[in-house]
């Protein structure tokens, strides 16, 4: 049996998972640049950037879920304190984003009230690419 250079217990540490999530965030950013400003339009690199965007979102969710799972296994009160420490702060951040986008829409005269109300729950959102925030919140709730 060959000795392992990386211990199984230390493979996805907090630092490693944070670095991976940062890498995934950069990949999503590049994918969005490709989609919005046609960075590398009609090229192999553009196609790769687009595909990496989808994979990066999936990877980000996987690493985040792994962190939630290991946290729940290592800390006794993790699940009991989860709403207060994770769900409510994240939802508060979502509300701030909703209010900023709603103000922008109100100032430009293009606000729709039903999507605004749905933004606070589920089913629609006034936040550009806000599906991601709603998906993250939903996954937190499912996890809890």
N, C-alpha and C. Protein backbone atom coordinates (compact mmCIF):
# COMPACT_ATOMS: atom_id res chain seq x y z
N UNK A 1 0.83 -1.18 0.00
CA UNK A 1 0.00 0.00 0.00
C UNK A 1 0.88 1.25 0.00
N UNK A 2 0.64 2.13 -0.94
CA UNK A 2 1.44 3.33 -1.06
C UNK A 2 0.89 4.42 -0.13
N UNK A 3 1.77 5.11 0.60
CA UNK A 3 1.29 6.17 1.48
C UNK A 3 0.69 7.33 0.68
N UNK A 4 -0.37 7.85 1.20
CA UNK A 4 -1.07 8.95 0.54
C UNK A 4 -0.41 10.27 0.89
N UNK A 5 -0.27 11.14 -0.11
CA UNK A 5 0.29 12.47 0.13
C UNK A 5 -0.73 13.37 0.83
N UNK A 6 -2.01 13.09 0.59
CA UNK A 6 -3.07 13.90 1.18
C UNK A 6 -3.94 12.99 2.04
N UNK A 7 -4.08 13.36 3.29
CA UNK A 7 -4.92 12.59 4.20
C UNK A 7 -6.37 12.74 3.79
N UNK A 8 -7.15 11.66 3.84
CA UNK A 8 -8.56 11.71 3.48
C UNK A 8 -9.33 12.68 4.37
N UNK A 9 -8.97 12.75 5.63
CA UNK A 9 -9.68 13.65 6.53
C UNK A 9 -9.42 15.12 6.20
N UNK A 10 -8.32 15.42 5.55
CA UNK A 10 -7.93 16.80 5.29
C UNK A 10 -8.11 17.20 3.82
N UNK A 11 -8.72 16.33 3.01
CA UNK A 11 -8.80 16.60 1.58
C UNK A 11 -9.59 17.87 1.28
N UNK A 12 -10.79 17.98 1.79
CA UNK A 12 -11.59 19.19 1.56
C UNK A 12 -11.71 19.97 2.86
N UNK A 13 -10.65 20.64 3.21
CA UNK A 13 -10.67 21.49 4.40
C UNK A 13 -11.46 22.76 4.08
N UNK A 14 -11.66 23.57 5.08
CA UNK A 14 -12.36 24.84 4.87
C UNK A 14 -11.60 25.70 3.86
N UNK A 15 -10.27 25.74 3.98
CA UNK A 15 -9.47 26.53 3.04
C UNK A 15 -9.57 25.99 1.62
N UNK A 16 -9.51 24.68 1.47
CA UNK A 16 -9.59 24.07 0.14
C UNK A 16 -10.95 24.33 -0.48
N UNK A 17 -12.01 24.15 0.30
CA UNK A 17 -13.35 24.36 -0.26
C UNK A 17 -13.58 25.84 -0.58
N UNK A 18 -13.05 26.74 0.22
CA UNK A 18 -13.17 28.18 -0.08
C UNK A 18 -12.44 28.51 -1.37
N UNK A 19 -11.26 27.94 -1.56
CA UNK A 19 -10.51 28.17 -2.79
C UNK A 19 -11.27 27.61 -4.00
N UNK A 20 -11.85 26.43 -3.84
CA UNK A 20 -12.62 25.84 -4.93
C UNK A 20 -13.83 26.70 -5.28
N UNK A 21 -14.53 27.19 -4.24
CA UNK A 21 -15.69 28.04 -4.50
C UNK A 21 -15.26 29.34 -5.20
N UNK A 22 -14.10 29.87 -4.84
CA UNK A 22 -13.58 31.05 -5.52
C UNK A 22 -13.27 30.77 -6.98
N UNK A 23 -12.67 29.62 -7.25
CA UNK A 23 -12.39 29.22 -8.63
C UNK A 23 -13.69 29.07 -9.42
N UNK A 24 -14.68 28.43 -8.81
CA UNK A 24 -15.98 28.28 -9.47
C UNK A 24 -16.63 29.64 -9.73
N UNK A 25 -16.50 30.57 -8.80
CA UNK A 25 -17.08 31.91 -8.98
C UNK A 25 -16.43 32.63 -10.16
N UNK A 26 -15.12 32.50 -10.29
CA UNK A 26 -14.42 33.11 -11.43
C UNK A 26 -14.88 32.47 -12.74
N UNK A 27 -15.07 31.15 -12.73
CA UNK A 27 -15.55 30.46 -13.93
C UNK A 27 -16.95 30.96 -14.32
N UNK A 28 -17.81 31.16 -13.33
CA UNK A 28 -19.15 31.68 -13.62
C UNK A 28 -19.05 33.10 -14.16
N UNK A 29 -18.18 33.92 -13.57
CA UNK A 29 -17.99 35.28 -14.05
C UNK A 29 -17.55 35.30 -15.51
N UNK A 30 -16.58 34.47 -15.86
CA UNK A 30 -16.12 34.40 -17.25
C UNK A 30 -17.23 33.92 -18.18
N UNK A 31 -18.02 32.98 -17.70
CA UNK A 31 -19.14 32.50 -18.50
C UNK A 31 -20.16 33.60 -18.74
N UNK A 32 -20.42 34.41 -17.70
CA UNK A 32 -21.36 35.52 -17.86
C UNK A 32 -20.80 36.59 -18.79
N UNK A 33 -19.49 36.83 -18.72
CA UNK A 33 -18.87 37.78 -19.64
C UNK A 33 -19.04 37.30 -21.08
N UNK A 34 -18.85 36.01 -21.26
CA UNK A 34 -19.04 35.44 -22.60
C UNK A 34 -20.48 35.65 -23.08
N UNK A 35 -21.43 35.43 -22.20
CA UNK A 35 -22.84 35.56 -22.58
C UNK A 35 -23.30 36.99 -22.76
N UNK A 36 -22.81 37.90 -21.95
CA UNK A 36 -23.31 39.28 -21.97
C UNK A 36 -22.59 40.17 -22.99
N UNK A 37 -21.27 40.06 -23.05
CA UNK A 37 -20.53 40.94 -23.95
C UNK A 37 -19.91 40.17 -25.11
N UNK A 38 -20.33 38.93 -25.26
CA UNK A 38 -19.87 38.08 -26.36
C UNK A 38 -18.35 37.94 -26.38
N UNK A 39 -17.77 37.78 -25.17
CA UNK A 39 -16.34 37.53 -25.05
C UNK A 39 -16.02 36.23 -25.79
N UNK A 40 -15.07 36.28 -26.69
CA UNK A 40 -14.65 35.12 -27.50
C UNK A 40 -15.81 34.53 -28.29
N UNK A 41 -16.60 35.40 -28.89
CA UNK A 41 -17.78 34.98 -29.68
C UNK A 41 -17.35 34.03 -30.80
N UNK A 42 -18.17 33.02 -31.02
CA UNK A 42 -17.98 32.06 -32.11
C UNK A 42 -16.59 31.42 -32.13
N UNK A 43 -16.10 31.09 -30.94
CA UNK A 43 -14.80 30.43 -30.88
C UNK A 43 -14.90 29.22 -29.96
N UNK A 44 -13.92 28.37 -30.07
CA UNK A 44 -13.87 27.19 -29.20
C UNK A 44 -13.77 27.62 -27.74
N UNK A 45 -12.97 28.64 -27.47
CA UNK A 45 -12.83 29.12 -26.09
C UNK A 45 -14.16 29.63 -25.56
N UNK A 46 -14.94 30.31 -26.40
CA UNK A 46 -16.26 30.79 -25.98
C UNK A 46 -17.19 29.65 -25.63
N UNK A 47 -17.17 28.59 -26.42
CA UNK A 47 -18.00 27.41 -26.14
C UNK A 47 -17.57 26.76 -24.83
N UNK A 48 -16.28 26.70 -24.61
CA UNK A 48 -15.76 26.12 -23.36
C UNK A 48 -16.17 26.97 -22.17
N UNK A 49 -16.06 28.30 -22.30
CA UNK A 49 -16.46 29.20 -21.20
C UNK A 49 -17.93 29.01 -20.86
N UNK A 50 -18.75 28.88 -21.86
CA UNK A 50 -20.18 28.69 -21.64
C UNK A 50 -20.44 27.38 -20.89
N UNK A 51 -19.81 26.32 -21.32
CA UNK A 51 -19.99 25.01 -20.65
C UNK A 51 -19.45 25.05 -19.23
N UNK A 52 -18.31 25.71 -19.02
CA UNK A 52 -17.73 25.79 -17.68
C UNK A 52 -18.64 26.54 -16.72
N UNK A 53 -19.43 27.47 -17.23
CA UNK A 53 -20.36 28.20 -16.37
C UNK A 53 -21.36 27.27 -15.72
N UNK A 54 -21.93 26.37 -16.50
CA UNK A 54 -22.88 25.40 -15.95
C UNK A 54 -22.20 24.47 -14.96
N UNK A 55 -21.04 23.98 -15.33
CA UNK A 55 -20.31 23.07 -14.43
C UNK A 55 -19.88 23.78 -13.15
N UNK A 56 -19.52 25.06 -13.26
CA UNK A 56 -19.08 25.81 -12.09
C UNK A 56 -20.21 26.00 -11.08
N UNK A 57 -21.42 26.27 -11.58
CA UNK A 57 -22.56 26.41 -10.67
C UNK A 57 -22.80 25.09 -9.93
N UNK A 58 -22.76 23.99 -10.68
CA UNK A 58 -22.95 22.67 -10.06
C UNK A 58 -21.85 22.39 -9.05
N UNK A 59 -20.61 22.70 -9.41
CA UNK A 59 -19.49 22.48 -8.49
C UNK A 59 -19.60 23.33 -7.24
N UNK A 60 -20.02 24.58 -7.42
CA UNK A 60 -20.18 25.47 -6.26
C UNK A 60 -21.23 24.91 -5.30
N UNK A 61 -22.35 24.48 -5.86
CA UNK A 61 -23.39 23.89 -5.01
C UNK A 61 -22.90 22.62 -4.33
N UNK A 62 -22.13 21.79 -5.04
CA UNK A 62 -21.63 20.55 -4.45
C UNK A 62 -20.70 20.84 -3.29
N UNK A 63 -19.74 21.74 -3.49
CA UNK A 63 -18.78 22.05 -2.43
C UNK A 63 -19.49 22.70 -1.24
N UNK A 64 -20.47 23.56 -1.51
CA UNK A 64 -21.24 24.17 -0.43
C UNK A 64 -22.01 23.10 0.35
N UNK A 65 -22.62 22.18 -0.37
CA UNK A 65 -23.35 21.09 0.28
C UNK A 65 -22.43 20.20 1.10
N UNK A 66 -21.25 19.94 0.58
CA UNK A 66 -20.27 19.15 1.33
C UNK A 66 -19.90 19.85 2.63
N UNK A 67 -19.71 21.17 2.56
CA UNK A 67 -19.40 21.94 3.76
C UNK A 67 -20.53 21.88 4.78
N UNK A 68 -21.76 21.97 4.32
CA UNK A 68 -22.91 21.86 5.23
C UNK A 68 -22.94 20.48 5.88
N UNK A 69 -22.72 19.46 5.08
CA UNK A 69 -22.75 18.09 5.58
C UNK A 69 -21.66 17.85 6.63
N UNK A 70 -20.44 18.26 6.34
CA UNK A 70 -19.36 18.03 7.30
C UNK A 70 -19.56 18.87 8.56
N UNK A 71 -20.09 20.09 8.39
CA UNK A 71 -20.37 20.91 9.56
C UNK A 71 -21.41 20.28 10.46
N UNK A 72 -22.41 19.65 9.85
CA UNK A 72 -23.47 19.01 10.66
C UNK A 72 -22.95 17.76 11.36
N UNK A 73 -21.95 17.13 10.80
CA UNK A 73 -21.38 15.93 11.43
C UNK A 73 -20.40 16.27 12.54
N UNK A 74 -19.72 17.42 12.44
CA UNK A 74 -18.66 17.75 13.38
C UNK A 74 -19.13 18.59 14.56
N UNK A 75 -20.20 19.33 14.40
CA UNK A 75 -20.67 20.23 15.46
C UNK A 75 -22.03 19.78 15.94
N UNK A 76 -22.16 19.62 17.24
CA UNK A 76 -23.41 19.10 17.81
C UNK A 76 -24.61 20.01 17.57
N UNK A 77 -24.45 21.31 17.74
CA UNK A 77 -25.58 22.23 17.63
C UNK A 77 -25.72 22.84 16.24
N UNK A 78 -25.03 22.28 15.26
CA UNK A 78 -25.03 22.86 13.92
C UNK A 78 -26.44 22.97 13.34
N UNK A 79 -27.20 21.89 13.41
CA UNK A 79 -28.55 21.89 12.83
C UNK A 79 -29.47 22.81 13.62
N UNK A 80 -29.37 22.78 14.96
CA UNK A 80 -30.23 23.64 15.78
C UNK A 80 -29.99 25.12 15.52
N UNK A 81 -28.72 25.49 15.29
CA UNK A 81 -28.40 26.90 15.07
C UNK A 81 -28.40 27.28 13.59
N UNK A 82 -28.69 26.33 12.71
CA UNK A 82 -28.63 26.57 11.27
C UNK A 82 -29.54 27.70 10.79
N UNK A 83 -30.81 27.74 11.21
CA UNK A 83 -31.66 28.86 10.75
C UNK A 83 -31.10 30.23 11.14
N UNK A 84 -30.63 30.33 12.38
CA UNK A 84 -30.14 31.62 12.87
C UNK A 84 -28.81 32.00 12.24
N UNK A 85 -27.94 31.03 12.02
CA UNK A 85 -26.60 31.32 11.52
C UNK A 85 -26.48 31.33 9.99
N UNK A 86 -27.34 30.58 9.30
CA UNK A 86 -27.21 30.48 7.85
C UNK A 86 -28.43 31.02 7.10
N UNK A 87 -29.61 30.50 7.44
CA UNK A 87 -30.80 30.83 6.64
C UNK A 87 -31.18 32.31 6.80
N UNK A 88 -31.31 32.79 8.03
CA UNK A 88 -31.74 34.19 8.22
C UNK A 88 -30.74 35.21 7.67
N UNK A 89 -29.43 35.05 7.91
CA UNK A 89 -28.49 36.02 7.30
C UNK A 89 -28.52 35.99 5.77
N UNK A 90 -28.65 34.79 5.20
CA UNK A 90 -28.70 34.71 3.75
C UNK A 90 -29.99 35.34 3.22
N UNK A 91 -31.10 35.09 3.89
CA UNK A 91 -32.37 35.69 3.48
C UNK A 91 -32.32 37.21 3.62
N UNK A 92 -31.66 37.71 4.67
CA UNK A 92 -31.52 39.16 4.84
C UNK A 92 -30.73 39.76 3.68
N UNK A 93 -29.69 39.06 3.24
CA UNK A 93 -28.91 39.52 2.09
C UNK A 93 -29.77 39.50 0.83
N UNK A 94 -30.63 38.49 0.70
CA UNK A 94 -31.55 38.43 -0.45
C UNK A 94 -32.50 39.61 -0.43
N UNK A 95 -33.01 39.97 0.75
CA UNK A 95 -33.93 41.10 0.87
C UNK A 95 -33.24 42.40 0.45
N UNK A 96 -31.99 42.57 0.84
CA UNK A 96 -31.25 43.77 0.43
C UNK A 96 -31.13 43.82 -1.09
N UNK A 97 -30.82 42.70 -1.71
CA UNK A 97 -30.72 42.66 -3.18
C UNK A 97 -32.07 42.97 -3.82
N UNK A 98 -33.15 42.42 -3.26
CA UNK A 98 -34.49 42.67 -3.79
C UNK A 98 -34.82 44.16 -3.69
N UNK A 99 -34.53 44.77 -2.56
CA UNK A 99 -34.83 46.18 -2.38
C UNK A 99 -34.02 47.07 -3.32
N UNK A 100 -32.76 46.73 -3.55
CA UNK A 100 -31.93 47.51 -4.48
C UNK A 100 -32.50 47.42 -5.89
N UNK A 101 -32.83 46.21 -6.33
CA UNK A 101 -33.39 46.05 -7.67
C UNK A 101 -34.78 46.68 -7.77
N UNK A 102 -35.58 46.58 -6.72
CA UNK A 102 -36.91 47.19 -6.74
C UNK A 102 -36.80 48.71 -6.83
N UNK A 103 -35.85 49.29 -6.12
CA UNK A 103 -35.64 50.75 -6.20
C UNK A 103 -35.23 51.14 -7.61
N UNK A 104 -34.35 50.40 -8.20
CA UNK A 104 -33.94 50.67 -9.58
C UNK A 104 -35.14 50.61 -10.53
N UNK A 105 -35.95 49.58 -10.37
CA UNK A 105 -37.14 49.44 -11.22
C UNK A 105 -38.14 50.56 -10.97
N UNK A 106 -38.30 50.94 -9.71
CA UNK A 106 -39.23 52.01 -9.36
C UNK A 106 -38.78 53.34 -9.98
N UNK A 107 -37.48 53.60 -9.95
CA UNK A 107 -36.95 54.84 -10.52
C UNK A 107 -37.04 54.87 -12.04
N UNK A 108 -36.99 53.73 -12.66
CA UNK A 108 -37.07 53.68 -14.13
C UNK A 108 -38.50 53.44 -14.61
N UNK A 109 -39.44 53.29 -13.67
CA UNK A 109 -40.85 53.14 -14.02
C UNK A 109 -41.24 51.78 -14.54
N UNK A 110 -40.44 50.78 -14.28
CA UNK A 110 -40.74 49.47 -14.82
C UNK A 110 -41.00 48.40 -13.78
N UNK A 111 -41.55 48.77 -12.64
CA UNK A 111 -41.75 47.77 -11.57
C UNK A 111 -43.04 46.99 -11.80
N UNK A 112 -42.96 45.70 -11.60
CA UNK A 112 -44.13 44.82 -11.64
C UNK A 112 -44.29 44.24 -10.24
N UNK A 113 -45.49 44.36 -9.69
CA UNK A 113 -45.70 44.05 -8.29
C UNK A 113 -45.72 42.56 -7.99
N UNK A 114 -46.24 41.74 -8.88
CA UNK A 114 -46.29 40.30 -8.60
C UNK A 114 -44.89 39.70 -8.56
N UNK A 115 -44.02 39.97 -9.55
CA UNK A 115 -42.65 39.46 -9.42
C UNK A 115 -41.93 40.02 -8.19
N UNK A 116 -42.26 41.26 -7.80
CA UNK A 116 -41.65 41.82 -6.60
C UNK A 116 -42.06 41.01 -5.37
N UNK A 117 -43.35 40.70 -5.25
CA UNK A 117 -43.82 39.90 -4.12
C UNK A 117 -43.23 38.48 -4.17
N UNK A 118 -43.15 37.91 -5.37
CA UNK A 118 -42.57 36.58 -5.51
C UNK A 118 -41.09 36.57 -5.14
N UNK A 119 -40.44 37.69 -5.28
CA UNK A 119 -39.02 37.78 -4.94
C UNK A 119 -38.77 37.46 -3.47
N UNK A 120 -39.74 37.81 -2.62
CA UNK A 120 -39.58 37.56 -1.19
C UNK A 120 -39.86 36.11 -0.82
N UNK A 121 -40.44 35.37 -1.74
CA UNK A 121 -40.77 33.96 -1.51
C UNK A 121 -40.11 33.14 -2.63
N UNK A 122 -40.92 32.55 -3.48
CA UNK A 122 -40.38 31.80 -4.61
C UNK A 122 -41.33 31.93 -5.79
N UNK A 123 -40.84 31.66 -6.97
CA UNK A 123 -41.68 31.67 -8.15
C UNK A 123 -41.34 32.74 -9.14
N UNK A 124 -40.59 33.70 -8.74
CA UNK A 124 -40.17 34.79 -9.62
C UNK A 124 -39.29 35.73 -8.83
N UNK A 125 -38.60 36.62 -9.54
CA UNK A 125 -37.75 37.56 -8.83
C UNK A 125 -37.47 38.78 -9.70
N UNK A 126 -37.31 39.92 -9.06
CA UNK A 126 -36.93 41.14 -9.77
C UNK A 126 -35.41 41.27 -9.85
N UNK A 127 -34.71 40.43 -9.11
CA UNK A 127 -33.25 40.47 -9.09
C UNK A 127 -32.72 39.77 -10.34
N UNK A 128 -31.87 40.48 -11.06
CA UNK A 128 -31.29 39.88 -12.27
C UNK A 128 -30.45 38.68 -11.87
N UNK A 129 -30.70 37.53 -12.48
CA UNK A 129 -30.08 36.26 -12.13
C UNK A 129 -30.38 35.86 -10.68
N UNK A 130 -31.51 36.32 -10.17
CA UNK A 130 -31.90 36.03 -8.79
C UNK A 130 -32.33 34.59 -8.57
N UNK A 131 -32.48 33.83 -9.64
CA UNK A 131 -32.82 32.41 -9.50
C UNK A 131 -31.79 31.72 -8.62
N UNK A 132 -30.54 32.17 -8.75
CA UNK A 132 -29.47 31.54 -7.98
C UNK A 132 -29.67 31.76 -6.48
N UNK A 133 -30.06 32.97 -6.12
CA UNK A 133 -30.31 33.25 -4.70
C UNK A 133 -31.47 32.42 -4.18
N UNK A 134 -32.53 32.33 -4.98
CA UNK A 134 -33.68 31.53 -4.56
C UNK A 134 -33.32 30.05 -4.48
N UNK A 135 -32.51 29.57 -5.41
CA UNK A 135 -32.09 28.16 -5.37
C UNK A 135 -31.24 27.90 -4.13
N UNK A 136 -30.33 28.80 -3.82
CA UNK A 136 -29.48 28.63 -2.63
C UNK A 136 -30.34 28.63 -1.36
N UNK A 137 -31.29 29.55 -1.28
CA UNK A 137 -32.17 29.60 -0.12
C UNK A 137 -33.00 28.32 0.00
N UNK A 138 -33.51 27.85 -1.12
CA UNK A 138 -34.30 26.61 -1.13
C UNK A 138 -33.43 25.43 -0.68
N UNK A 139 -32.21 25.37 -1.14
CA UNK A 139 -31.32 24.27 -0.73
C UNK A 139 -30.99 24.35 0.77
N UNK A 140 -30.81 25.56 1.27
CA UNK A 140 -30.61 25.72 2.73
C UNK A 140 -31.83 25.18 3.50
N UNK A 141 -33.01 25.54 3.03
CA UNK A 141 -34.24 25.09 3.71
C UNK A 141 -34.38 23.56 3.62
N UNK A 142 -34.11 23.00 2.45
CA UNK A 142 -34.16 21.54 2.31
C UNK A 142 -33.14 20.87 3.21
N UNK A 143 -31.96 21.44 3.31
CA UNK A 143 -30.92 20.88 4.16
C UNK A 143 -31.37 20.87 5.62
N UNK A 144 -31.96 21.98 6.05
CA UNK A 144 -32.40 22.09 7.45
C UNK A 144 -33.49 21.07 7.74
